[in-house]
């Protein structure tokens, strides 16, 4: 399948699922009372998918690469915040492990796409 929209990207779909999972977890009573922290972790997980989308629609490999780098950083921020949520007893070990596994897989896929873009001769619509 040819990727024509950011919604076609597997990494965007996975980032969206992680963002929805994080939002669901932050609705837990104890977590939702910590509004600032709940907002931080939902923002970082949302930023991951948003930067993938924005970079894709910039139409150039260099810009897409830059936005993927930002998305990867936001994904790592979500991972770090998951550890804090576990330490604060807002999530259990199974929830932590799910977040860690999913964010680590997403990071690997983002890295793969970044490597592809870096080595690609195709520069995107902006450069054709």
N, C-alpha and C. Protein backbone atom coordinates (compact mmCIF):
# COMPACT_ATOMS: atom_id res chain seq x y z
N UNK A 1 0.84 -1.19 0.00
CA UNK A 1 0.00 0.00 0.00
C UNK A 1 0.88 1.25 0.00
N UNK A 2 0.58 2.16 -0.88
CA UNK A 2 1.31 3.41 -0.97
C UNK A 2 0.84 4.36 0.13
N UNK A 3 1.79 5.00 0.75
CA UNK A 3 1.47 5.97 1.80
C UNK A 3 1.20 7.31 1.13
N UNK A 4 -0.03 7.78 1.27
CA UNK A 4 -0.41 9.05 0.66
C UNK A 4 -0.79 10.10 1.69
N UNK A 5 -1.16 9.65 2.87
CA UNK A 5 -1.57 10.57 3.95
C UNK A 5 -0.87 10.11 5.22
N UNK A 6 -0.71 11.03 6.17
CA UNK A 6 -0.05 10.62 7.41
C UNK A 6 -0.83 9.51 8.11
N UNK A 7 -2.14 9.46 7.89
CA UNK A 7 -2.96 8.42 8.50
C UNK A 7 -2.62 7.02 7.99
N UNK A 8 -1.91 6.96 6.86
CA UNK A 8 -1.48 5.67 6.31
C UNK A 8 -0.21 5.14 6.98
N UNK A 9 0.49 5.98 7.69
CA UNK A 9 1.75 5.58 8.33
C UNK A 9 1.50 4.70 9.55
N UNK A 10 2.14 3.55 9.58
CA UNK A 10 2.01 2.65 10.73
C UNK A 10 2.49 3.32 12.01
N UNK A 11 3.56 4.12 11.92
CA UNK A 11 4.07 4.77 13.14
C UNK A 11 3.06 5.78 13.68
N UNK A 12 2.33 6.45 12.80
CA UNK A 12 1.32 7.39 13.29
C UNK A 12 0.18 6.62 13.97
N UNK A 13 -0.23 5.51 13.35
CA UNK A 13 -1.30 4.69 13.94
C UNK A 13 -0.90 4.18 15.32
N UNK A 14 0.33 3.72 15.44
CA UNK A 14 0.80 3.21 16.73
C UNK A 14 0.92 4.33 17.75
N UNK A 15 1.40 5.49 17.34
CA UNK A 15 1.48 6.63 18.25
C UNK A 15 0.08 7.04 18.72
N UNK A 16 -0.89 6.97 17.83
CA UNK A 16 -2.28 7.29 18.19
C UNK A 16 -2.81 6.32 19.24
N UNK A 17 -2.51 5.03 19.05
CA UNK A 17 -2.95 4.02 20.03
C UNK A 17 -2.30 4.26 21.39
N UNK A 18 -1.04 4.61 21.40
CA UNK A 18 -0.35 4.89 22.67
C UNK A 18 -0.98 6.11 23.33
N UNK A 19 -1.26 7.14 22.55
CA UNK A 19 -1.88 8.35 23.09
C UNK A 19 -3.24 8.03 23.72
N UNK A 20 -4.04 7.21 23.05
CA UNK A 20 -5.35 6.82 23.59
C UNK A 20 -5.19 6.00 24.86
N UNK A 21 -4.21 5.11 24.90
CA UNK A 21 -3.94 4.32 26.10
C UNK A 21 -3.56 5.23 27.27
N UNK A 22 -2.70 6.19 27.01
CA UNK A 22 -2.27 7.12 28.06
C UNK A 22 -3.48 7.91 28.57
N UNK A 23 -4.30 8.40 27.67
CA UNK A 23 -5.48 9.16 28.09
C UNK A 23 -6.39 8.31 28.97
N UNK A 24 -6.59 7.06 28.57
CA UNK A 24 -7.42 6.15 29.36
C UNK A 24 -6.84 5.96 30.77
N UNK A 25 -5.55 5.78 30.85
CA UNK A 25 -4.89 5.58 32.15
C UNK A 25 -4.99 6.82 33.02
N UNK A 26 -4.88 8.00 32.41
CA UNK A 26 -4.93 9.23 33.22
C UNK A 26 -6.32 9.52 33.76
N UNK A 27 -7.32 8.78 33.30
CA UNK A 27 -8.68 8.96 33.83
C UNK A 27 -8.89 8.22 35.15
N UNK A 28 -7.92 7.40 35.55
CA UNK A 28 -8.03 6.70 36.83
C UNK A 28 -8.10 7.75 37.94
N UNK A 29 -8.90 7.49 38.98
CA UNK A 29 -9.15 8.51 40.01
C UNK A 29 -7.90 9.19 40.59
N UNK A 30 -6.93 8.41 41.05
CA UNK A 30 -5.75 9.03 41.65
C UNK A 30 -4.94 9.82 40.62
N UNK A 31 -4.82 9.26 39.44
CA UNK A 31 -4.04 9.92 38.39
C UNK A 31 -4.72 11.22 37.97
N UNK A 32 -6.01 11.18 37.78
CA UNK A 32 -6.73 12.36 37.28
C UNK A 32 -6.68 13.53 38.26
N UNK A 33 -6.47 13.23 39.54
CA UNK A 33 -6.36 14.31 40.54
C UNK A 33 -5.05 15.08 40.40
N UNK A 34 -4.04 14.44 39.84
CA UNK A 34 -2.75 15.10 39.60
C UNK A 34 -2.82 15.72 38.20
N UNK A 35 -3.57 16.80 38.11
CA UNK A 35 -3.89 17.39 36.81
C UNK A 35 -2.64 17.76 36.02
N UNK A 36 -1.66 18.38 36.67
CA UNK A 36 -0.47 18.83 35.96
C UNK A 36 0.28 17.65 35.34
N UNK A 37 0.47 16.59 36.11
CA UNK A 37 1.19 15.43 35.60
C UNK A 37 0.38 14.71 34.53
N UNK A 38 -0.92 14.57 34.75
CA UNK A 38 -1.78 13.93 33.74
C UNK A 38 -1.72 14.72 32.43
N UNK A 39 -1.70 16.03 32.54
CA UNK A 39 -1.61 16.88 31.35
C UNK A 39 -0.26 16.70 30.65
N UNK A 40 0.81 16.59 31.43
CA UNK A 40 2.15 16.41 30.84
C UNK A 40 2.24 15.13 30.02
N UNK A 41 1.79 14.03 30.61
CA UNK A 41 1.94 12.74 29.92
C UNK A 41 1.00 12.63 28.72
N UNK A 42 -0.20 13.21 28.82
CA UNK A 42 -1.08 13.18 27.64
C UNK A 42 -0.53 14.11 26.55
N UNK A 43 0.09 15.21 26.95
CA UNK A 43 0.68 16.12 25.96
C UNK A 43 1.85 15.48 25.23
N UNK A 44 2.72 14.80 25.97
CA UNK A 44 3.88 14.19 25.31
C UNK A 44 3.46 13.06 24.38
N UNK A 45 2.49 12.26 24.80
CA UNK A 45 2.05 11.17 23.92
C UNK A 45 1.32 11.73 22.69
N UNK A 46 0.56 12.78 22.87
CA UNK A 46 -0.10 13.42 21.73
C UNK A 46 0.89 14.10 20.80
N UNK A 47 1.94 14.67 21.37
CA UNK A 47 2.97 15.32 20.58
C UNK A 47 3.67 14.34 19.65
N UNK A 48 3.80 13.10 20.09
CA UNK A 48 4.44 12.10 19.25
C UNK A 48 3.67 11.94 17.94
N UNK A 49 2.38 11.70 18.03
CA UNK A 49 1.59 11.51 16.81
C UNK A 49 1.47 12.80 16.00
N UNK A 50 1.36 13.93 16.70
CA UNK A 50 1.21 15.20 15.99
C UNK A 50 2.46 15.57 15.19
N UNK A 51 3.63 15.31 15.75
CA UNK A 51 4.86 15.63 15.03
C UNK A 51 5.09 14.71 13.84
N UNK A 52 4.67 13.46 13.96
CA UNK A 52 4.73 12.56 12.80
C UNK A 52 3.85 13.11 11.69
N UNK A 53 2.64 13.52 12.03
CA UNK A 53 1.70 14.06 11.04
C UNK A 53 2.24 15.34 10.42
N UNK A 54 2.69 16.26 11.26
CA UNK A 54 3.17 17.54 10.74
C UNK A 54 4.38 17.36 9.84
N UNK A 55 5.31 16.52 10.26
CA UNK A 55 6.49 16.28 9.44
C UNK A 55 6.15 15.67 8.10
N UNK A 56 5.22 14.73 8.10
CA UNK A 56 4.82 14.08 6.85
C UNK A 56 4.26 15.10 5.87
N UNK A 57 3.45 16.01 6.35
CA UNK A 57 2.81 16.98 5.47
C UNK A 57 3.69 18.17 5.13
N UNK A 58 4.91 18.19 5.59
CA UNK A 58 5.86 19.22 5.18
C UNK A 58 6.42 18.93 3.79
N UNK A 59 6.28 17.72 3.32
CA UNK A 59 6.64 17.33 1.95
C UNK A 59 8.13 17.31 1.64
N UNK A 60 8.97 17.34 2.61
CA UNK A 60 10.41 17.25 2.35
C UNK A 60 11.07 16.31 3.33
N UNK A 61 12.00 15.49 2.85
CA UNK A 61 12.65 14.51 3.72
C UNK A 61 13.39 15.14 4.89
N UNK A 62 14.08 16.27 4.65
CA UNK A 62 14.83 16.90 5.73
C UNK A 62 13.90 17.36 6.85
N UNK A 63 12.81 17.98 6.46
CA UNK A 63 11.85 18.45 7.46
C UNK A 63 11.15 17.27 8.14
N UNK A 64 10.78 16.26 7.36
CA UNK A 64 10.14 15.08 7.94
C UNK A 64 11.09 14.44 8.95
N UNK A 65 12.35 14.32 8.59
CA UNK A 65 13.37 13.75 9.48
C UNK A 65 13.42 14.54 10.79
N UNK A 66 13.42 15.86 10.69
CA UNK A 66 13.47 16.72 11.88
C UNK A 66 12.25 16.48 12.77
N UNK A 67 11.08 16.41 12.18
CA UNK A 67 9.87 16.20 12.97
C UNK A 67 9.82 14.79 13.56
N UNK A 68 10.38 13.82 12.84
CA UNK A 68 10.47 12.47 13.41
C UNK A 68 11.40 12.45 14.62
N UNK A 69 12.45 13.25 14.56
CA UNK A 69 13.35 13.36 15.70
C UNK A 69 12.62 13.94 16.91
N UNK A 70 11.81 14.94 16.68
CA UNK A 70 11.01 15.53 17.76
C UNK A 70 10.01 14.51 18.28
N UNK A 71 9.37 13.78 17.38
CA UNK A 71 8.40 12.75 17.78
C UNK A 71 9.08 11.68 18.63
N UNK A 72 10.28 11.30 18.24
CA UNK A 72 11.02 10.29 19.00
C UNK A 72 11.33 10.81 20.41
N UNK A 73 11.67 12.09 20.51
CA UNK A 73 11.91 12.70 21.82
C UNK A 73 10.65 12.72 22.67
N UNK A 74 9.52 13.05 22.07
CA UNK A 74 8.25 13.05 22.80
C UNK A 74 7.88 11.65 23.25
N UNK A 75 8.16 10.67 22.42
CA UNK A 75 7.92 9.27 22.77
C UNK A 75 8.76 8.88 23.99
N UNK A 76 10.02 9.30 24.00
CA UNK A 76 10.89 9.01 25.15
C UNK A 76 10.42 9.74 26.40
N UNK A 77 9.91 10.94 26.22
CA UNK A 77 9.35 11.69 27.34
C UNK A 77 8.16 10.92 27.93
N UNK A 78 7.32 10.36 27.09
CA UNK A 78 6.19 9.55 27.56
C UNK A 78 6.69 8.35 28.35
N UNK A 79 7.74 7.69 27.85
CA UNK A 79 8.34 6.54 28.56
C UNK A 79 8.80 6.95 29.96
N UNK A 80 9.53 8.05 30.03
CA UNK A 80 10.05 8.53 31.31
C UNK A 80 8.90 8.85 32.27
N UNK A 81 7.88 9.49 31.75
CA UNK A 81 6.73 9.83 32.58
C UNK A 81 5.98 8.59 33.04
N UNK A 82 6.01 7.53 32.25
CA UNK A 82 5.38 6.27 32.66
C UNK A 82 6.08 5.72 33.91
N UNK A 83 7.39 5.82 33.94
CA UNK A 83 8.12 5.40 35.14
C UNK A 83 7.69 6.23 36.35
N UNK A 84 7.53 7.53 36.15
CA UNK A 84 7.07 8.39 37.25
C UNK A 84 5.68 7.98 37.70
N UNK A 85 4.80 7.71 36.74
CA UNK A 85 3.43 7.29 37.09
C UNK A 85 3.46 6.00 37.91
N UNK A 86 4.34 5.10 37.55
CA UNK A 86 4.50 3.85 38.31
C UNK A 86 5.05 4.14 39.70
N UNK A 87 6.06 4.98 39.78
CA UNK A 87 6.66 5.34 41.08
C UNK A 87 5.65 6.04 41.99
N UNK A 88 4.76 6.82 41.40
CA UNK A 88 3.72 7.51 42.17
C UNK A 88 2.53 6.61 42.48
N UNK A 89 2.58 5.38 41.99
CA UNK A 89 1.53 4.37 42.20
C UNK A 89 0.22 4.71 41.48
N UNK A 90 0.35 5.46 40.38
CA UNK A 90 -0.81 5.77 39.55
C UNK A 90 -1.12 4.64 38.58
N UNK A 91 -0.10 3.87 38.22
CA UNK A 91 -0.28 2.72 37.32
C UNK A 91 0.39 1.50 37.93
N UNK A 92 -0.07 0.34 37.52
CA UNK A 92 0.54 -0.90 38.03
C UNK A 92 1.65 -1.36 37.09
N UNK A 93 2.32 -2.43 37.49
CA UNK A 93 3.46 -2.91 36.71
C UNK A 93 3.07 -3.38 35.31
N UNK A 94 1.91 -4.00 35.19
CA UNK A 94 1.45 -4.45 33.86
C UNK A 94 1.22 -3.25 32.93
N UNK A 95 0.63 -2.19 33.45
CA UNK A 95 0.40 -0.99 32.64
C UNK A 95 1.73 -0.35 32.26
N UNK A 96 2.65 -0.28 33.22
CA UNK A 96 3.98 0.26 32.92
C UNK A 96 4.64 -0.54 31.80
N UNK A 97 4.62 -1.86 31.93
CA UNK A 97 5.27 -2.70 30.93
C UNK A 97 4.63 -2.56 29.56
N UNK A 98 3.32 -2.40 29.52
CA UNK A 98 2.65 -2.20 28.23
C UNK A 98 3.12 -0.91 27.58
N UNK A 99 3.17 0.15 28.36
CA UNK A 99 3.63 1.44 27.83
C UNK A 99 5.08 1.34 27.37
N UNK A 100 5.93 0.73 28.19
CA UNK A 100 7.34 0.61 27.84
C UNK A 100 7.54 -0.21 26.58
N UNK A 101 6.84 -1.31 26.47
CA UNK A 101 6.96 -2.17 25.29
C UNK A 101 6.50 -1.44 24.04
N UNK A 102 5.36 -0.79 24.13
CA UNK A 102 4.80 -0.12 22.95
C UNK A 102 5.65 1.09 22.53
N UNK A 103 6.15 1.85 23.51
CA UNK A 103 6.97 3.01 23.15
C UNK A 103 8.33 2.58 22.62
N UNK A 104 8.86 1.49 23.12
CA UNK A 104 10.16 1.00 22.61
C UNK A 104 10.01 0.50 21.17
N UNK A 105 8.92 -0.20 20.88
CA UNK A 105 8.67 -0.66 19.50
C UNK A 105 8.48 0.54 18.56
N UNK A 106 7.75 1.55 19.04
CA UNK A 106 7.54 2.73 18.22
C UNK A 106 8.86 3.44 17.95
N UNK A 107 9.69 3.56 18.97
CA UNK A 107 11.00 4.19 18.79
C UNK A 107 11.81 3.48 17.71
N UNK A 108 11.82 2.17 17.73
CA UNK A 108 12.56 1.40 16.73
C UNK A 108 12.02 1.66 15.33
N UNK A 109 10.71 1.75 15.20
CA UNK A 109 10.10 2.00 13.88
C UNK A 109 10.38 3.42 13.40
N UNK A 110 10.36 4.38 14.32
CA UNK A 110 10.71 5.75 13.95
C UNK A 110 12.16 5.80 13.49
N UNK A 111 13.05 5.13 14.24
CA UNK A 111 14.46 5.08 13.85
C UNK A 111 14.63 4.49 12.46
N UNK A 112 13.88 3.43 12.16
CA UNK A 112 13.98 2.79 10.84
C UNK A 112 13.55 3.75 9.73
N UNK A 113 12.46 4.48 9.96
CA UNK A 113 12.01 5.43 8.95
C UNK A 113 13.01 6.57 8.80
N UNK A 114 13.58 7.02 9.91
CA UNK A 114 14.59 8.08 9.84
C UNK A 114 15.80 7.61 9.02
N UNK A 115 16.22 6.39 9.22
CA UNK A 115 17.36 5.84 8.47
C UNK A 115 17.02 5.76 6.98
N UNK A 116 15.81 5.32 6.69
CA UNK A 116 15.36 5.26 5.29
C UNK A 116 15.40 6.65 4.66
N UNK A 117 14.86 7.65 5.36
CA UNK A 117 14.83 9.01 4.82
C UNK A 117 16.24 9.55 4.61
N UNK A 118 17.10 9.26 5.55
CA UNK A 118 18.48 9.74 5.47
C UNK A 118 19.20 9.17 4.25
N UNK A 119 18.92 7.93 3.92
CA UNK A 119 19.61 7.25 2.83
C UNK A 119 18.87 7.30 1.50
N UNK A 120 17.68 7.90 1.49
CA UNK A 120 16.85 7.92 0.29
C UNK A 120 17.31 9.00 -0.69
N UNK A 121 17.26 8.66 -1.97
CA UNK A 121 17.53 9.65 -3.01
C UNK A 121 16.31 10.53 -3.26
N UNK A 122 15.15 10.03 -2.89
CA UNK A 122 13.90 10.79 -3.07
C UNK A 122 13.82 11.84 -1.98
N UNK A 123 13.64 13.08 -2.37
CA UNK A 123 13.67 14.18 -1.41
C UNK A 123 12.30 14.71 -1.02
N UNK A 124 11.25 14.21 -1.62
CA UNK A 124 9.91 14.68 -1.28
C UNK A 124 9.38 15.67 -2.31
N UNK A 125 8.09 15.94 -2.23
CA UNK A 125 7.41 16.79 -3.21
C UNK A 125 7.99 18.20 -3.29
N UNK A 126 8.49 18.69 -2.18
CA UNK A 126 8.99 20.05 -2.13
C UNK A 126 10.24 20.22 -3.02
N UNK A 127 10.92 19.12 -3.27
CA UNK A 127 12.19 19.19 -3.99
C UNK A 127 12.13 18.60 -5.39
N UNK A 128 10.93 18.32 -5.88
CA UNK A 128 10.82 17.72 -7.23
C UNK A 128 10.44 18.77 -8.25
